């Protein structure tokens, strides 16, 4: 089993001081692989398992699955804003409230799995088409401060595997695998 903290089974995010071309390519690859890893993590789970919280007080597996496209759609829009505006201030969203909306609590996960897959194909294509200097562009996050696209890339390369690990460590703990 991975890390002992079920909230952060792969550890907390650590922003790299500098991102070079090799690291950037690795981050983009992580983002490209996330939909496949998520689909594998949930493909054999039934509704009872999907409605199990990955930790006490945490979201259900279903909510985690729906959270990923919600979050990554926001990240994709932030990328586009940073590329087309000068240091825009982005609008955060309350992920906890989004996770409590009826479709996130009870909706079929296939919708979010398909959305995440399509979104990541588009997001990865957009990032691969950019020259290196574009990743220096920034946006202002009201809670996290100034973020470069390289920092955002590192964050979301961690974010997908972070949530997939919450699901897979729960499955291991419960003996579902």
Protein backbone atom coordinates (compact mmCIF):
# COMPACT_ATOMS: atom_id res chain seq x y z
CA UNK A 1 0.00 0.00 0.00
CA UNK A 2 1.18 3.54 -0.71
CA UNK A 3 1.35 6.42 1.80
CA UNK A 4 -0.42 6.11 5.12
CA UNK A 5 -2.53 9.27 4.80
CA UNK A 6 -5.68 8.31 2.86
CA UNK A 7 -6.24 11.98 1.97
CA UNK A 8 -2.80 12.23 0.32
CA UNK A 9 -1.72 8.71 -0.63
CA UNK A 10 0.97 9.99 -3.02
CA UNK A 11 1.91 12.90 -0.77
CA UNK A 12 1.02 16.56 -0.91
CA UNK A 13 1.75 18.61 -4.00
CA UNK A 14 5.18 20.23 -4.09
CA UNK A 15 5.56 22.97 -6.68
CA UNK A 16 8.84 22.67 -8.56
CA UNK A 17 11.12 25.71 -8.44
CA UNK A 18 11.79 25.44 -12.17
CA UNK A 19 10.31 23.33 -14.95
CA UNK A 20 12.53 22.38 -17.85
CA UNK A 21 11.49 20.85 -21.19
CA UNK A 22 11.95 17.28 -19.94
CA UNK A 23 9.86 17.84 -16.80
CA UNK A 24 7.21 19.66 -18.83
CA UNK A 25 6.93 16.73 -21.25
CA UNK A 26 6.62 14.36 -18.29
CA UNK A 27 3.86 16.47 -16.74
CA UNK A 28 1.96 16.56 -20.02
CA UNK A 29 2.31 12.78 -20.28
CA UNK A 30 0.92 12.38 -16.72
CA UNK A 31 -2.08 14.48 -17.69
CA UNK A 32 -2.54 12.43 -20.89
CA UNK A 33 -2.54 9.18 -18.88
CA UNK A 34 -4.92 10.25 -16.11
CA UNK A 35 -8.20 9.32 -17.85
CA UNK A 36 -6.96 5.77 -18.55
CA UNK A 37 -5.74 5.34 -14.97
CA UNK A 38 -9.04 6.61 -13.57
CA UNK A 39 -11.09 4.34 -15.81
CA UNK A 40 -8.99 1.34 -14.74
CA UNK A 41 -9.37 2.28 -11.07
CA UNK A 42 -13.17 2.24 -11.22
CA UNK A 43 -14.00 -0.21 -14.02
CA UNK A 44 -14.93 -3.10 -11.71
CA UNK A 45 -16.57 -1.11 -8.93
CA UNK A 46 -20.28 -1.51 -8.25
CA UNK A 47 -22.64 1.21 -7.00
CA UNK A 48 -22.07 0.33 -3.34
CA UNK A 49 -18.31 0.65 -3.83
CA UNK A 50 -18.70 3.87 -5.83
CA UNK A 51 -20.72 5.32 -2.97
CA UNK A 52 -18.04 4.43 -0.39
CA UNK A 53 -16.02 7.29 1.07
CA UNK A 54 -12.31 6.91 0.41
CA UNK A 55 -11.68 8.14 3.98
CA UNK A 56 -13.88 9.24 6.89
CA UNK A 57 -15.24 12.69 6.07
CA UNK A 58 -13.99 12.46 2.48
CA UNK A 59 -15.87 12.21 -0.76
CA UNK A 60 -17.29 9.03 -2.17
CA UNK A 61 -15.48 7.40 -5.07
CA UNK A 62 -18.32 8.64 -7.29
CA UNK A 63 -17.77 12.23 -6.13
CA UNK A 64 -14.03 11.92 -6.76
CA UNK A 65 -14.69 10.69 -10.31
CA UNK A 66 -17.03 13.63 -10.99
CA UNK A 67 -14.61 16.07 -9.35
CA UNK A 68 -11.80 15.35 -11.80
CA UNK A 69 -13.48 16.73 -14.95
CA UNK A 70 -14.94 19.61 -12.92
CA UNK A 71 -11.48 20.58 -11.73
CA UNK A 72 -9.67 19.91 -14.98
CA UNK A 73 -12.23 21.84 -17.02
CA UNK A 74 -11.46 24.82 -14.81
CA UNK A 75 -7.71 24.26 -15.36
CA UNK A 76 -8.20 24.07 -19.13
CA UNK A 77 -10.08 27.38 -19.09
CA UNK A 78 -7.31 28.91 -16.93
CA UNK A 79 -4.75 27.81 -19.51
CA UNK A 80 -6.72 29.49 -22.28
CA UNK A 81 -7.20 32.66 -20.24
CA UNK A 82 -3.49 32.88 -19.44
CA UNK A 83 -2.65 32.41 -23.11
CA UNK A 84 -5.07 35.06 -24.37
CA UNK A 85 -5.04 37.68 -21.61
CA UNK A 86 -2.33 39.49 -19.69
CA UNK A 87 -2.07 37.96 -16.20
CA UNK A 88 -5.81 37.42 -15.78
CA UNK A 89 -7.39 36.90 -12.39
CA UNK A 90 -9.25 33.64 -12.57
CA UNK A 91 -12.43 32.84 -10.75
CA UNK A 92 -12.09 29.98 -8.27
CA UNK A 93 -14.97 27.62 -7.55
CA UNK A 94 -16.02 25.82 -4.39
CA UNK A 95 -15.14 22.22 -5.19
CA UNK A 96 -16.80 20.98 -2.00
CA UNK A 97 -20.14 22.49 -2.99
CA UNK A 98 -19.77 21.21 -6.55
CA UNK A 99 -19.19 17.69 -5.15
CA UNK A 100 -22.43 17.95 -3.19
CA UNK A 101 -24.59 18.76 -6.22
CA UNK A 102 -27.03 15.92 -7.01
CA UNK A 103 -25.35 14.78 -10.23
CA UNK A 104 -21.98 14.57 -8.47
CA UNK A 105 -23.42 12.56 -5.58
CA UNK A 106 -25.58 10.17 -7.59
CA UNK A 107 -24.87 10.50 -11.33
CA UNK A 108 -23.45 7.74 -13.49
CA UNK A 109 -19.66 7.93 -13.64
CA UNK A 110 -19.53 7.05 -17.34
CA UNK A 111 -20.43 10.64 -18.17
CA UNK A 112 -17.47 12.01 -16.25
CA UNK A 113 -15.07 9.33 -17.48
CA UNK A 114 -15.96 10.18 -21.09
CA UNK A 115 -15.78 13.93 -20.42
CA UNK A 116 -12.37 13.61 -18.75
CA UNK A 117 -11.04 11.57 -21.67
CA UNK A 118 -12.19 14.08 -24.29
CA UNK A 119 -11.06 17.05 -22.22
CA UNK A 120 -7.59 15.61 -21.67
CA UNK A 121 -7.15 14.88 -25.38
CA UNK A 122 -7.94 18.53 -26.15
CA UNK A 123 -5.91 19.89 -23.21
CA UNK A 124 -2.85 17.80 -24.08
CA UNK A 125 -3.08 18.80 -27.76
CA UNK A 126 -3.24 22.45 -26.73
CA UNK A 127 -0.21 22.15 -24.47
CA UNK A 128 1.88 20.17 -26.96
CA UNK A 129 1.29 22.87 -29.59
CA UNK A 130 2.70 25.64 -27.38
CA UNK A 131 6.23 27.01 -27.57
CA UNK A 132 8.21 26.68 -24.33
CA UNK A 133 7.98 30.40 -23.51
CA UNK A 134 4.17 30.18 -23.35
CA UNK A 135 4.47 28.16 -20.14
CA UNK A 136 5.95 31.23 -18.45
CA UNK A 137 2.62 33.05 -18.86
CA UNK A 138 0.77 33.61 -15.63
CA UNK A 139 -2.64 33.98 -14.12
CA UNK A 140 -3.69 35.28 -10.73
CA UNK A 141 -5.44 32.85 -8.44
CA UNK A 142 -7.25 34.65 -5.60
CA UNK A 143 -6.28 31.90 -3.12
CA UNK A 144 -2.97 30.59 -4.52
CA UNK A 145 -1.44 33.80 -5.85
CA UNK A 146 0.44 34.15 -9.12
CA UNK A 147 0.75 30.88 -11.02
CA UNK A 148 2.69 30.24 -14.20
CA UNK A 149 1.40 27.72 -16.69
CA UNK A 150 4.40 25.55 -15.78
CA UNK A 151 3.25 25.57 -12.13
CA UNK A 152 -0.32 24.80 -13.19
CA UNK A 153 0.95 21.96 -15.36
CA UNK A 154 2.89 20.45 -12.44
CA UNK A 155 -0.14 20.82 -10.16
CA UNK A 156 -2.52 19.00 -12.49
CA UNK A 157 0.04 16.33 -13.35
CA UNK A 158 -0.07 15.59 -9.60
CA UNK A 159 -3.82 16.17 -9.16
CA UNK A 160 -5.09 13.33 -11.36
CA UNK A 161 -2.82 10.63 -9.91
CA UNK A 162 -3.57 11.99 -6.41
CA UNK A 163 -7.28 11.25 -6.81
CA UNK A 164 -6.73 7.98 -8.65
CA UNK A 165 -4.56 6.86 -5.72
CA UNK A 166 -7.33 7.75 -3.28
CA UNK A 167 -9.54 5.30 -5.15
CA UNK A 168 -6.95 2.56 -5.62
CA UNK A 169 -5.76 2.67 -2.01
CA UNK A 170 -9.37 2.40 -0.84
CA UNK A 171 -9.86 -0.60 -3.15
CA UNK A 172 -6.70 -2.20 -1.76
CA UNK A 173 -7.71 -1.50 1.83
CA UNK A 174 -11.19 -2.94 1.27
CA UNK A 175 -9.93 -5.98 -0.64
CA UNK A 176 -11.80 -5.04 -3.83
CA UNK A 177 -8.79 -5.82 -6.02
